[in-house]
Amino acid sequence: MTTKRREYTREFKLEAVSLVVDHKRKITEVAESLGIGASTLDNWVRKYKKEQQGVTPTQGLALTDEQRELQALRKQVKQLTMERDILKKASALLASDSLKSYY
Protein backbone atom coordinates (compact mmCIF):
# COMPACT_ATOMS: atom_id res chain seq x y z
CA MET A 1 0.00 0.00 0.00
CA THR A 2 1.39 3.39 -0.94
CA THR A 3 1.18 6.43 1.27
CA LYS A 4 -0.02 9.75 -0.05
CA ARG A 5 2.51 12.57 -0.04
CA ARG A 6 1.60 15.43 2.22
CA GLU A 7 1.35 18.83 0.58
CA TYR A 8 2.11 22.06 2.42
CA THR A 9 1.08 25.61 1.57
CA ARG A 10 3.69 28.13 0.53
CA GLU A 11 2.90 30.16 3.65
CA PHE A 12 3.53 27.16 5.90
CA LYS A 13 6.85 26.47 4.18
CA LEU A 14 7.95 30.11 4.43
CA GLU A 15 7.04 30.26 8.12
CA ALA A 16 9.02 27.08 8.79
CA VAL A 17 12.01 28.39 6.85
CA SER A 18 11.77 31.71 8.69
CA LEU A 19 12.09 29.92 12.02
CA VAL A 20 15.36 28.39 10.83
CA VAL A 21 16.83 31.28 8.84
CA ASP A 22 15.62 34.38 10.70
CA HIS A 23 15.25 33.04 14.22
CA LYS A 24 18.35 30.80 14.08
CA ARG A 25 16.57 27.69 15.37
CA LYS A 26 17.83 24.21 14.53
CA ILE A 27 16.24 22.39 11.61
CA THR A 28 15.59 19.28 13.69
CA GLU A 29 13.95 21.33 16.45
CA VAL A 30 11.65 23.19 14.06
CA ALA A 31 10.81 20.06 12.07
CA GLU A 32 9.87 18.16 15.21
CA SER A 33 7.71 20.99 16.55
CA LEU A 34 5.86 21.27 13.22
CA GLY A 35 5.51 17.53 12.70
CA ILE A 36 7.48 17.37 9.46
CA GLY A 37 10.64 15.56 8.45
CA ALA A 38 13.97 17.25 9.06
CA SER A 39 15.11 16.42 5.52
CA THR A 40 11.96 18.03 4.12
CA LEU A 41 12.61 21.24 6.04
CA ASP A 42 16.29 21.14 5.05
CA ASN A 43 15.23 20.99 1.38
CA TRP A 44 12.91 23.98 1.87
CA VAL A 45 15.72 25.97 3.52
CA ARG A 46 18.16 25.18 0.70
CA LYS A 47 15.60 26.16 -1.96
CA TYR A 48 14.85 29.39 -0.09
CA LYS A 49 18.54 30.28 0.09
CA LYS A 50 18.93 29.60 -3.64
CA GLU A 51 15.98 31.91 -4.33
CA GLN A 52 17.64 34.60 -2.26
CA GLN A 53 20.74 34.25 -4.43
CA GLY A 54 18.71 34.81 -7.58
CA VAL A 55 18.16 31.24 -8.79
CA THR A 56 14.69 29.78 -9.11
CA PRO A 57 14.51 26.38 -7.42
CA THR A 58 12.31 24.68 -10.00
CA GLN A 59 14.16 25.72 -13.11
CA GLY A 60 17.66 26.54 -11.90
CA LEU A 61 17.63 29.54 -14.21
CA ALA A 62 18.69 33.05 -13.37
CA LEU A 63 15.92 35.47 -12.46
CA THR A 64 14.89 38.30 -14.75
CA ASP A 65 16.12 41.81 -14.07
CA GLU A 66 12.72 42.76 -12.66
CA GLN A 67 12.67 39.78 -10.31
CA ARG A 68 16.18 40.57 -9.07
CA GLU A 69 15.21 44.20 -8.54
CA LEU A 70 12.09 43.16 -6.64
CA GLN A 71 14.19 40.84 -4.47
CA ALA A 72 16.68 43.62 -3.76
CA LEU A 73 13.89 46.03 -2.88
CA ARG A 74 12.25 43.51 -0.54
CA LYS A 75 15.60 42.91 1.14
CA GLN A 76 16.06 46.67 1.53
CA VAL A 77 12.56 47.07 3.01
CA LYS A 78 13.30 44.29 5.49
CA GLN A 79 16.59 45.94 6.49
CA LEU A 80 15.03 49.39 6.86
CA THR A 81 12.13 48.00 8.87
CA MET A 82 14.57 46.29 11.22
CA GLU A 83 16.60 49.50 11.59
CA ARG A 84 13.44 51.51 12.29
CA ASP A 85 12.35 49.06 14.97
CA ILE A 86 15.77 49.22 16.64
CA LEU A 87 15.69 53.02 16.61
CA LYS A 88 12.19 53.04 18.12
CA LYS A 89 13.32 50.79 20.96
CA ALA A 90 16.47 52.83 21.54
CA SER A 91 14.49 56.06 21.52
CA ALA A 92 12.02 54.72 24.07
CA LEU A 93 14.86 53.46 26.25
CA LEU A 94 16.71 56.77 26.12
CA ALA A 95 13.53 58.70 26.84
CA SER A 96 12.76 56.60 29.90
CA ASP A 97 16.36 56.95 31.16
CA SER A 98 16.34 60.73 30.71
CA LEU A 99 13.05 61.01 32.62
CA LYS A 100 14.46 58.96 35.49
CA SER A 101 17.57 61.13 35.72
CA TYR A 102 15.52 64.34 35.47
CA TYR A 103 13.35 63.54 38.49
PDB file of N, CA and C in Angstrom:
ATOM      1  N   MET A   1       0.842  -1.180   0.000  1.00  0.00           N
ATOM      2  CA  MET A   1       0.000   0.000   0.000  1.00  0.00           C
ATOM      3  C   MET A   1       0.886   1.243   0.000  1.00  0.00           C
ATOM      4  N   THR A   2       0.590   2.178  -0.867  1.00  0.00           N
ATOM      5  CA  THR A   2       1.388   3.394  -0.942  1.00  0.00           C
ATOM      6  C   THR A   2       0.784   4.471  -0.064  1.00  0.00           C
ATOM      7  N   THR A   3       1.656   5.316   0.454  1.00  0.00           N
ATOM      8  CA  THR A   3       1.177   6.429   1.271  1.00  0.00           C
ATOM      9  C   THR A   3       1.113   7.677   0.408  1.00  0.00           C
ATOM     10  N   LYS A   4       0.165   8.517   0.704  1.00  0.00           N
ATOM     11  CA  LYS A   4      -0.019   9.747  -0.054  1.00  0.00           C
ATOM     12  C   LYS A   4       0.948  10.808   0.476  1.00  0.00           C
ATOM     13  N   ARG A   5       1.595  11.506  -0.433  1.00  0.00           N
ATOM     14  CA  ARG A   5       2.513  12.573  -0.044  1.00  0.00           C
ATOM     15  C   ARG A   5       1.732  13.736   0.535  1.00  0.00           C
ATOM     16  N   ARG A   6       2.245  14.263   1.620  1.00  0.00           N
ATOM     17  CA  ARG A   6       1.597  15.426   2.219  1.00  0.00           C
ATOM     18  C   ARG A   6       2.010  16.676   1.455  1.00  0.00           C
ATOM     19  N   GLU A   7       1.066  17.574   1.265  1.00  0.00           N
ATOM     20  CA  GLU A   7       1.352  18.830   0.585  1.00  0.00           C
ATOM     21  C   GLU A   7       1.200  19.965   1.578  1.00  0.00           C
ATOM     22  N   TYR A   8       2.099  20.934   1.498  1.00  0.00           N
ATOM     23  CA  TYR A   8       2.107  22.058   2.420  1.00  0.00           C
ATOM     24  C   TYR A   8       1.931  23.351   1.633  1.00  0.00           C
ATOM     25  N   THR A   9       1.267  24.320   2.240  1.00  0.00           N
ATOM     26  CA  THR A   9       1.077  25.609   1.574  1.00  0.00           C
ATOM     27  C   THR A   9       2.396  26.365   1.549  1.00  0.00           C
ATOM     28  N   ARG A  10       2.483  27.291   0.628  1.00  0.00           N
ATOM     29  CA  ARG A  10       3.688  28.131   0.530  1.00  0.00           C
ATOM     30  C   ARG A  10       3.894  28.913   1.823  1.00  0.00           C
ATOM     31  N   GLU A  11       2.801  29.391   2.413  1.00  0.00           N
ATOM     32  CA  GLU A  11       2.898  30.162   3.652  1.00  0.00           C
ATOM     33  C   GLU A  11       3.472  29.313   4.781  1.00  0.00           C
ATOM     34  N   PHE A  12       3.030  28.068   4.869  1.00  0.00           N
ATOM     35  CA  PHE A  12       3.535  27.159   5.899  1.00  0.00           C
ATOM     36  C   PHE A  12       5.036  26.936   5.715  1.00  0.00           C
ATOM     37  N   LYS A  13       5.438  26.702   4.466  1.00  0.00           N
ATOM     38  CA  LYS A  13       6.852  26.475   4.180  1.00  0.00           C
ATOM     39  C   LYS A  13       7.689  27.701   4.535  1.00  0.00           C
ATOM     40  N   LEU A  14       7.202  28.884   4.144  1.00  0.00           N
ATOM     41  CA  LEU A  14       7.946  30.107   4.435  1.00  0.00           C
ATOM     42  C   LEU A  14       8.056  30.362   5.932  1.00  0.00           C
ATOM     43  N   GLU A  15       7.006  30.084   6.663  1.00  0.00           N
ATOM     44  CA  GLU A  15       7.041  30.257   8.116  1.00  0.00           C
ATOM     45  C   GLU A  15       8.052  29.301   8.741  1.00  0.00           C
ATOM     46  N   ALA A  16       8.064  28.066   8.279  1.00  0.00           N
ATOM     47  CA  ALA A  16       9.018  27.076   8.793  1.00  0.00           C
ATOM     48  C   ALA A  16      10.452  27.495   8.475  1.00  0.00           C
ATOM     49  N   VAL A  17      10.681  27.941   7.255  1.00  0.00           N
ATOM     50  CA  VAL A  17      12.014  28.389   6.848  1.00  0.00           C
ATOM     51  C   VAL A  17      12.422  29.615   7.658  1.00  0.00           C
ATOM     52  N   SER A  18      11.490  30.510   7.901  1.00  0.00           N
ATOM     53  CA  SER A  18      11.771  31.707   8.687  1.00  0.00           C
ATOM     54  C   SER A  18      12.246  31.360  10.092  1.00  0.00           C
ATOM     55  N   LEU A  19      11.664  30.343  10.683  1.00  0.00           N
ATOM     56  CA  LEU A  19      12.088  29.924  12.019  1.00  0.00           C
ATOM     57  C   LEU A  19      13.544  29.474  12.016  1.00  0.00           C
ATOM     58  N   VAL A  20      13.974  28.866  10.925  1.00  0.00           N
ATOM     59  CA  VAL A  20      15.356  28.394  10.826  1.00  0.00           C
ATOM     60  C   VAL A  20      16.295  29.534  10.440  1.00  0.00           C
ATOM     61  N   VAL A  21      15.938  30.269   9.391  1.00  0.00           N
ATOM     62  CA  VAL A  21      16.833  31.281   8.840  1.00  0.00           C
ATOM     63  C   VAL A  21      16.854  32.553   9.689  1.00  0.00           C
ATOM     64  N   ASP A  22      15.694  33.100   9.993  1.00  0.00           N
ATOM     65  CA  ASP A  22      15.622  34.381  10.698  1.00  0.00           C
ATOM     66  C   ASP A  22      15.783  34.250  12.207  1.00  0.00           C
ATOM     67  N   HIS A  23      15.237  33.192  12.766  1.00  0.00           N
ATOM     68  CA  HIS A  23      15.255  33.036  14.223  1.00  0.00           C
ATOM     69  C   HIS A  23      16.363  32.110  14.704  1.00  0.00           C
ATOM     70  N   LYS A  24      17.173  31.616  13.773  1.00  0.00           N
ATOM     71  CA  LYS A  24      18.355  30.799  14.083  1.00  0.00           C
ATOM     72  C   LYS A  24      18.050  29.556  14.917  1.00  0.00           C
ATOM     73  N   ARG A  25      16.906  28.938  14.668  1.00  0.00           N
ATOM     74  CA  ARG A  25      16.570  27.692  15.369  1.00  0.00           C
ATOM     75  C   ARG A  25      17.082  26.515  14.553  1.00  0.00           C
ATOM     76  N   LYS A  26      17.311  25.396  15.202  1.00  0.00           N
ATOM     77  CA  LYS A  26      17.828  24.208  14.526  1.00  0.00           C
ATOM     78  C   LYS A  26      16.742  23.571  13.660  1.00  0.00           C
ATOM     79  N   ILE A  27      17.171  23.032  12.534  1.00  0.00           N
ATOM     80  CA  ILE A  27      16.242  22.388  11.607  1.00  0.00           C
ATOM     81  C   ILE A  27      15.506  21.247  12.291  1.00  0.00           C
ATOM     82  N   THR A  28      16.226  20.428  13.036  1.00  0.00           N
ATOM     83  CA  THR A  28      15.591  19.280  13.694  1.00  0.00           C
ATOM     84  C   THR A  28      14.556  19.726  14.720  1.00  0.00           C
ATOM     85  N   GLU A  29      14.871  20.801  15.434  1.00  0.00           N
ATOM     86  CA  GLU A  29      13.949  21.328  16.453  1.00  0.00           C
ATOM     87  C   GLU A  29      12.661  21.841  15.812  1.00  0.00           C
ATOM     88  N   VAL A  30      12.811  22.629  14.748  1.00  0.00           N
ATOM     89  CA  VAL A  30      11.647  23.194  14.059  1.00  0.00           C
ATOM     90  C   VAL A  30      10.825  22.086  13.404  1.00  0.00           C
ATOM     91  N   ALA A  31      11.505  21.156  12.753  1.00  0.00           N
ATOM     92  CA  ALA A  31      10.807  20.059  12.073  1.00  0.00           C
ATOM     93  C   ALA A  31       9.991  19.243  13.065  1.00  0.00           C
ATOM     94  N   GLU A  32      10.581  18.947  14.203  1.00  0.00           N
ATOM     95  CA  GLU A  32       9.868  18.159  15.212  1.00  0.00           C
ATOM     96  C   GLU A  32       8.654  18.915  15.748  1.00  0.00           C
ATOM     97  N   SER A  33       8.826  20.211  15.999  1.00  0.00           N
ATOM     98  CA  SER A  33       7.711  20.989  16.550  1.00  0.00           C
ATOM     99  C   SER A  33       6.566  21.148  15.549  1.00  0.00           C
ATOM    100  N   LEU A  34       6.885  21.122  14.253  1.00  0.00           N
ATOM    101  CA  LEU A  34       5.855  21.269  13.221  1.00  0.00           C
ATOM    102  C   LEU A  34       5.335  19.925  12.714  1.00  0.00           C
ATOM    103  N   GLY A  35       5.962  18.850  13.126  1.00  0.00           N
ATOM    104  CA  GLY A  35       5.513  17.529  12.701  1.00  0.00           C
ATOM    105  C   GLY A  35       5.866  17.186  11.268  1.00  0.00           C
ATOM    106  N   ILE A  36       7.015  17.685  10.811  1.00  0.00           N
ATOM    107  CA  ILE A  36       7.479  17.372   9.460  1.00  0.00           C
ATOM    108  C   ILE A  36       8.865  16.745   9.553  1.00  0.00           C
ATOM    109  N   GLY A  37       9.317  16.171   8.466  1.00  0.00           N
ATOM    110  CA  GLY A  37      10.636  15.561   8.448  1.00  0.00           C
ATOM    111  C   GLY A  37      11.739  16.605   8.385  1.00  0.00           C
ATOM    112  N   ALA A  38      12.840  16.325   9.059  1.00  0.00           N
ATOM    113  CA  ALA A  38      13.973  17.251   9.057  1.00  0.00           C
ATOM    114  C   ALA A  38      14.548  17.407   7.651  1.00  0.00           C
ATOM    115  N   SER A  39      14.576  16.328   6.883  1.00  0.00           N
ATOM    116  CA  SER A  39      15.111  16.417   5.520  1.00  0.00           C
ATOM    117  C   SER A  39      14.201  17.264   4.628  1.00  0.00           C
ATOM    118  N   THR A  40      12.908  17.200   4.875  1.00  0.00           N
ATOM    119  CA  THR A  40      11.964  18.028   4.118  1.00  0.00           C
ATOM    120  C   THR A  40      12.229  19.502   4.392  1.00  0.00           C
ATOM    121  N   LEU A  41      12.352  19.844   5.667  1.00  0.00           N
ATOM    122  CA  LEU A  41      12.614  21.235   6.040  1.00  0.00           C
ATOM    123  C   LEU A  41      13.972  21.681   5.516  1.00  0.00           C
ATOM    124  N   ASP A  42      14.961  20.809   5.565  1.00  0.00           N
ATOM    125  CA  ASP A  42      16.287  21.138   5.046  1.00  0.00           C
ATOM    126  C   ASP A  42      16.210  21.464   3.556  1.00  0.00           C
ATOM    127  N   ASN A  43      15.414  20.704   2.807  1.00  0.00           N
ATOM    128  CA  ASN A  43      15.225  20.990   1.376  1.00  0.00           C
ATOM    129  C   ASN A  43      14.592  22.360   1.174  1.00  0.00           C
ATOM    130  N   TRP A  44      13.577  22.683   1.980  1.00  0.00           N
ATOM    131  CA  TRP A  44      12.912  23.984   1.867  1.00  0.00           C
ATOM    132  C   TRP A  44      13.898  25.115   2.142  1.00  0.00           C
ATOM    133  N   VAL A  45      14.740  24.938   3.158  1.00  0.00           N
ATOM    134  CA  VAL A  45      15.716  25.973   3.524  1.00  0.00           C
ATOM    135  C   VAL A  45      16.715  26.163   2.384  1.00  0.00           C
ATOM    136  N   ARG A  46      17.212  25.066   1.805  1.00  0.00           N
ATOM    137  CA  ARG A  46      18.163  25.177   0.700  1.00  0.00           C
ATOM    138  C   ARG A  46      17.537  25.864  -0.512  1.00  0.00           C
ATOM    139  N   LYS A  47      16.285  25.519  -0.828  1.00  0.00           N
ATOM    140  CA  LYS A  47      15.598  26.160  -1.955  1.00  0.00           C
ATOM    141  C   LYS A  47      15.404  27.649  -1.692  1.00  0.00           C
ATOM    142  N   TYR A  48      15.045  27.981  -0.456  1.00  0.00           N
ATOM    143  CA  TYR A  48      14.850  29.385  -0.092  1.00  0.00           C
ATOM    144  C   TYR A  48      16.147  30.169  -0.265  1.00  0.00           C
ATOM    145  N   LYS A  49      17.251  29.593   0.205  1.00  0.00           N
ATOM    146  CA  LYS A  49      18.543  30.282   0.094  1.00  0.00           C
ATOM    147  C   LYS A  49      18.951  30.450  -1.364  1.00  0.00           C
ATOM    148  N   LYS A  50      18.643  29.467  -2.207  1.00  0.00           N
ATOM    149  CA  LYS A  50      18.931  29.600  -3.637  1.00  0.00           C
ATOM    150  C   LYS A  50      18.106  30.727  -4.244  1.00  0.00           C
ATOM    151  N   GLU A  51      16.837  30.828  -3.835  1.00  0.00           N
ATOM    152  CA  GLU A  51      15.980  31.908  -4.333  1.00  0.00           C
ATOM    153  C   GLU A  51      16.557  33.259  -3.937  1.00  0.00           C
ATOM    154  N   GLN A  52      17.080  33.353  -2.729  1.00  0.00           N
ATOM    155  CA  GLN A  52      17.644  34.604  -2.256  1.00  0.00           C
ATOM    156  C   GLN A  52      18.900  34.983  -3.039  1.00  0.00           C
ATOM    157  N   GLN A  53      19.552  33.989  -3.626  1.00  0.00           N
ATOM    158  CA  GLN A  53      20.744  34.248  -4.427  1.00  0.00           C
ATOM    159  C   GLN A  53      20.403  34.524  -5.889  1.00  0.00           C
ATOM    160  N   GLY A  54      19.127  34.478  -6.230  1.00  0.00           N
ATOM    161  CA  GLY A  54      18.714  34.807  -7.585  1.00  0.00           C
ATOM    162  C   GLY A  54      18.536  33.628  -8.507  1.00  0.00           C
ATOM    163  N   VAL A  55      18.382  32.426  -7.973  1.00  0.00           N
ATOM    164  CA  VAL A  55      18.159  31.241  -8.795  1.00  0.00           C
ATOM    165  C   VAL A  55      16.820  30.646  -8.413  1.00  0.00           C
ATOM    166  N   THR A  56      15.983  30.393  -9.405  1.00  0.00           N
ATOM    167  CA  THR A  56      14.693  29.778  -9.108  1.00  0.00           C
ATOM    168  C   THR A  56      14.901  28.301  -8.821  1.00  0.00           C
ATOM    169  N   PRO A  57      14.261  27.772  -7.787  1.00  0.00           N
ATOM    170  CA  PRO A  57      14.514  26.385  -7.417  1.00  0.00           C
ATOM    171  C   PRO A  57      13.980  25.362  -8.415  1.00  0.00           C
ATOM    172  N   THR A  58      12.902  25.670  -9.107  1.00  0.00           N
ATOM    173  CA  THR A  58      12.310  24.677  -9.999  1.00  0.00           C
ATOM    174  C   THR A  58      13.033  24.603 -11.332  1.00  0.00           C
ATOM    175  N   GLN A  59      13.552  25.706 -11.789  1.00  0.00           N
ATOM    176  CA  GLN A  59      14.161  25.719 -13.110  1.00  0.00           C
ATOM    177  C   GLN A  59      15.680  25.795 -13.057  1.00  0.00           C
ATOM    178  N   GLY A  60      16.227  26.361 -11.988  1.00  0.00           N
ATOM    179  CA  GLY A  60      17.662  26.539 -11.897  1.00  0.00           C
ATOM    180  C   GLY A  60      18.164  27.629 -12.830  1.00  0.00           C
ATOM    181  N   LEU A  61      17.262  28.465 -13.305  1.00  0.00           N
ATOM    182  CA  LEU A  61      17.627  29.540 -14.212  1.00  0.00           C
ATOM    183  C   LEU A  61      17.748  30.852 -13.452  1.00  0.00           C
ATOM    184  N   ALA A  62      18.540  31.746 -13.987  1.00  0.00           N
ATOM    185  CA  ALA A  62      18.689  33.054 -13.366  1.00  0.00           C
ATOM    186  C   ALA A  62      17.379  33.825 -13.466  1.00  0.00           C
ATOM    187  N   LEU A  63      17.131  34.664 -12.476  1.00  0.00           N
ATOM    188  CA  LEU A  63      15.917  35.474 -12.458  1.00  0.00           C
ATOM    189  C   LEU A  63      16.026  36.611 -13.464  1.00  0.00           C
ATOM    190  N   THR A  64      14.890  37.152 -13.853  1.00  0.00           N
ATOM    191  CA  THR A  64      14.887  38.303 -14.748  1.00  0.00           C
ATOM    192  C   THR A  64      15.362  39.524 -13.975  1.00  0.00           C
ATOM    193  N   ASP A  65      15.673  40.578 -14.712  1.00  0.00           N
ATOM    194  CA  ASP A  65      16.118  41.814 -14.065  1.00  0.00           C
ATOM    195  C   ASP A  65      15.063  42.348 -13.105  1.00  0.00           C
ATOM    196  N   GLU A  66      13.796  42.264 -13.513  1.00  0.00           N
ATOM    197  CA  GLU A  66      12.718  42.764 -12.665  1.00  0.00           C
ATOM    198  C   GLU A  66      12.602  41.944 -11.380  1.00  0.00           C
ATOM    199  N   GLN A  67      12.760  40.634 -11.496  1.00  0.00           N
ATOM    200  CA  GLN A  67      12.674  39.776 -10.313  1.00  0.00           C
ATOM    201  C   GLN A  67      13.836  40.039  -9.360  1.00  0.00           C
ATOM    202  N   ARG A  68      15.029  40.244  -9.921  1.00  0.00           N
ATOM    203  CA  ARG A  68      16.184  40.568  -9.072  1.00  0.00           C
ATOM    204  C   ARG A  68      15.988  41.910  -8.384  1.00  0.00           C
ATOM    205  N   GLU A  69      15.457  42.885  -9.127  1.00  0.00           N
ATOM    206  CA  GLU A  69      15.211  44.203  -8.541  1.00  0.00           C
ATOM    207  C   GLU A  69      14.177  44.106  -7.426  1.00  0.00           C
ATOM    208  N   LEU A  70      13.122  43.345  -7.659  1.00  0.00           N
ATOM    209  CA  LEU A  70      12.093  43.155  -6.644  1.00  0.00           C
ATOM    210  C   LEU A  70      12.681  42.494  -5.403  1.00  0.00           C
ATOM    211  N   GLN A  71      13.528  41.499  -5.595  1.00  0.00           N
ATOM    212  CA  GLN A  71      14.189  40.838  -4.472  1.00  0.00           C
ATOM    213  C   GLN A  71      15.050  41.826  -3.688  1.00  0.00           C
ATOM    214  N   ALA A  72      15.815  42.638  -4.411  1.00  0.00           N
ATOM    215  CA  ALA A  72      16.680  43.619  -3.756  1.00  0.00           C
ATOM    216  C   ALA A  72      15.849  44.631  -2.976  1.00  0.00           C
ATOM    217  N   LEU A  73      14.742  45.065  -3.558  1.00  0.00           N
ATOM    218  CA  LEU A  73      13.887  46.031  -2.875  1.00  0.00           C
ATOM    219  C   LEU A  73      13.247  45.423  -1.629  1.00  0.00           C
ATOM    220  N   ARG A  74      12.827  44.172  -1.717  1.00  0.00           N
ATOM    221  CA  ARG A  74      12.252  43.505  -0.540  1.00  0.00           C
ATOM    222  C   ARG A  74      13.294  43.365   0.564  1.00  0.00           C
ATOM    223  N   LYS A  75      14.512  43.036   0.172  1.00  0.00           N
ATOM    224  CA  LYS A  75      15.596  42.914   1.144  1.00  0.00           C
ATOM    225  C   LYS A  75      15.865  44.266   1.807  1.00  0.00           C
ATOM    226  N   GLN A  76      15.842  45.332   1.002  1.00  0.00           N
ATOM    227  CA  GLN A  76      16.062  46.675   1.531  1.00  0.00           C
ATOM    228  C   GLN A  76      14.940  47.077   2.480  1.00  0.00           C
ATOM    229  N   VAL A  77      13.701  46.768   2.132  1.00  0.00           N
ATOM    230  CA  VAL A  77      12.563  47.071   3.007  1.00  0.00           C
ATOM    231  C   VAL A  77      12.712  46.339   4.331  1.00  0.00           C
ATOM    232  N   LYS A  78      13.107  45.086   4.267  1.00  0.00           N
ATOM    233  CA  LYS A  78      13.298  44.291   5.489  1.00  0.00           C
ATOM    234  C   LYS A  78      14.377  44.921   6.366  1.00  0.00           C
ATOM    235  N   GLN A  79      15.485  45.323   5.750  1.00  0.00           N
ATOM    236  CA  GLN A  79      16.591  45.940   6.490  1.00  0.00           C
ATOM    237  C   GLN A  79      16.152  47.264   7.109  1.00  0.00           C
ATOM    238  N   LEU A  80      15.476  48.095   6.350  1.00  0.00           N
ATOM    239  CA  LEU A  80      15.033  49.391   6.858  1.00  0.00           C
ATOM    240  C   LEU A  80      13.993  49.238   7.962  1.00  0.00           C
ATOM    241  N   THR A  81      13.117  48.267   7.831  1.00  0.00           N
ATOM    242  CA  THR A  81      12.128  48.002   8.875  1.00  0.00           C
ATOM    243  C   THR A  81      12.822  47.587  10.162  1.00  0.00           C
ATOM    244  N   MET A  82      13.821  46.735  10.043  1.00  0.00           N
ATOM    245  CA  MET A  82      14.566  46.294  11.218  1.00  0.00           C
ATOM    246  C   MET A  82      15.283  47.481  11.871  1.00  0.00           C
ATOM    247  N   GLU A  83      15.913  48.330  11.060  1.00  0.00           N
ATOM    248  CA  GLU A  83      16.603  49.504  11.594  1.00  0.00           C
ATOM    249  C   GLU A  83      15.623  50.446  12.288  1.00  0.00           C
ATOM    250  N   ARG A  84      14.456  50.649  11.687  1.00  0.00           N
ATOM    251  CA  ARG A  84      13.441  51.505  12.291  1.00  0.00           C
ATOM    252  C   ARG A  84      13.010  50.968  13.645  1.00  0.00           C
ATOM    253  N   ASP A  85      12.777  49.671  13.716  1.00  0.00           N
ATOM    254  CA  ASP A  85      12.351  49.060  14.972  1.00  0.00           C
ATOM    255  C   ASP A  85      13.416  49.212  16.052  1.00  0.00           C
ATOM    256  N   ILE A  86      14.674  49.044  15.676  1.00  0.00           N
ATOM    257  CA  ILE A  86      15.768  49.215  16.640  1.00  0.00           C
ATOM    258  C   ILE A  86      15.813  50.655  17.132  1.00  0.00           C
ATOM    259  N   LEU A  87      15.663  51.605  16.218  1.00  0.00           N
ATOM    260  CA  LEU A  87      15.687  53.017  16.610  1.00  0.00           C
ATOM    261  C   LEU A  87      14.512  53.371  17.515  1.00  0.00           C
ATOM    262  N   LYS A  88      13.346  52.801  17.254  1.00  0.00           N
ATOM    263  CA  LYS A  88      12.187  53.040  18.118  1.00  0.00           C
ATOM    264  C   LYS A  88      12.463  52.558  19.530  1.00  0.00           C
ATOM    265  N   LYS A  89      13.025  51.353  19.641  1.00  0.00           N
ATOM    266  CA  LYS A  89      13.319  50.791  20.959  1.00  0.00           C
ATOM    267  C   LYS A  89      14.383  51.615  21.672  1.00  0.00           C
ATOM    268  N   ALA A  90      15.409  52.023  20.936  1.00  0.00           N
ATOM    269  CA  ALA A  90      16.472  52.826  21.536  1.00  0.00           C
ATOM    270  C   ALA A  90      15.935  54.177  21.985  1.00  0.00           C
ATOM    271  N   SER A  91      15.082  54.771  21.180  1.00  0.00           N
ATOM    272  CA  SER A  91      14.492  56.062  21.521  1.00  0.00           C
ATOM    273  C   SER A  91      13.650  55.961  22.783  1.00  0.00           C
ATOM    274  N   ALA A  92      12.853  54.919  22.880  1.00  0.00           N
ATOM    275  CA  ALA A  92      12.023  54.723  24.068  1.00  0.00           C
ATOM    276  C   ALA A  92      12.888  54.488  25.295  1.00  0.00           C
ATOM    277  N   LEU A  93      13.959  53.737  25.138  1.00  0.00           N
ATOM    278  CA  LEU A  93      14.859  53.456  26.250  1.00  0.00           C
ATOM    279  C   LEU A  93      15.559  54.729  26.713  1.00  0.00           C
ATOM    280  N   LEU A  94      16.038  55.514  25.766  1.00  0.00           N
ATOM    281  CA  LEU A  94      16.714  56.765  26.117  1.00  0.00           C
ATOM    282  C   LEU A  94      15.744  57.754  26.755  1.00  0.00           C
ATOM    283  N   ALA A  95      14.528  57.800  26.273  1.00  0.00           N
ATOM    284  CA  ALA A  95      13.526  58.704  26.839  1.00  0.00           C
ATOM    285  C   ALA A  95      13.209  58.311  28.272  1.00  0.00           C
ATOM    286  N   SER A  96      13.074  57.033  28.534  1.00  0.00           N
ATOM    287  CA  SER A  96      12.763  56.599  29.900  1.00  0.00           C
ATOM    288  C   SER A  96      13.947  56.840  30.827  1.00  0.00           C
ATOM    289  N   ASP A  97      15.173  56.677  30.345  1.00  0.00           N
ATOM    290  CA  ASP A  97      16.358  56.946  31.161  1.00  0.00           C
ATOM    291  C   ASP A  97      16.496  58.430  31.466  1.00  0.00           C
ATOM    292  N   SER A  98      16.211  59.289  30.484  1.00  0.00           N
ATOM    293  CA  SER A  98      16.344  60.726  30.713  1.00  0.00           C
ATOM    294  C   SER A  98      15.278  61.224  31.680  1.00  0.00           C
ATOM    295  N   LEU A  99      14.088  60.633  31.665  1.00  0.00           N
ATOM    296  CA  LEU A  99      13.051  61.010  32.622  1.00  0.00           C
ATOM    297  C   LEU A  99      13.441  60.599  34.031  1.00  0.00           C
ATOM    298  N   LYS A 100      14.035  59.431  34.174  1.00  0.00           N
ATOM    299  CA  LYS A 100      14.460  58.960  35.490  1.00  0.00           C
ATOM    300  C   LYS A 100      15.545  59.867  36.063  1.00  0.00           C
ATOM    301  N   SER A 101      16.490  60.286  35.225  1.00  0.00           N
ATOM    302  CA  SER A 101      17.575  61.131  35.721  1.00  0.00           C
ATOM    303  C   SER A 101      17.105  62.565  35.958  1.00  0.00           C
ATOM    304  N   TYR A 102      16.039  62.988  35.303  1.00  0.00           N
ATOM    305  CA  TYR A 102      15.523  64.342  35.472  1.00  0.00           C
ATOM    306  C   TYR A 102      14.816  64.480  36.807  1.00  0.00           C
ATOM    307  N   TYR A 103      14.098  63.471  37.238  1.00  0.00           N
ATOM    308  CA  TYR A 103      13.349  63.540  38.489  1.00  0.00           C
ATOM    309  C   TYR A 103      14.094  62.867  39.538  1.00  0.00           C
TER     310      TYR A 103
END
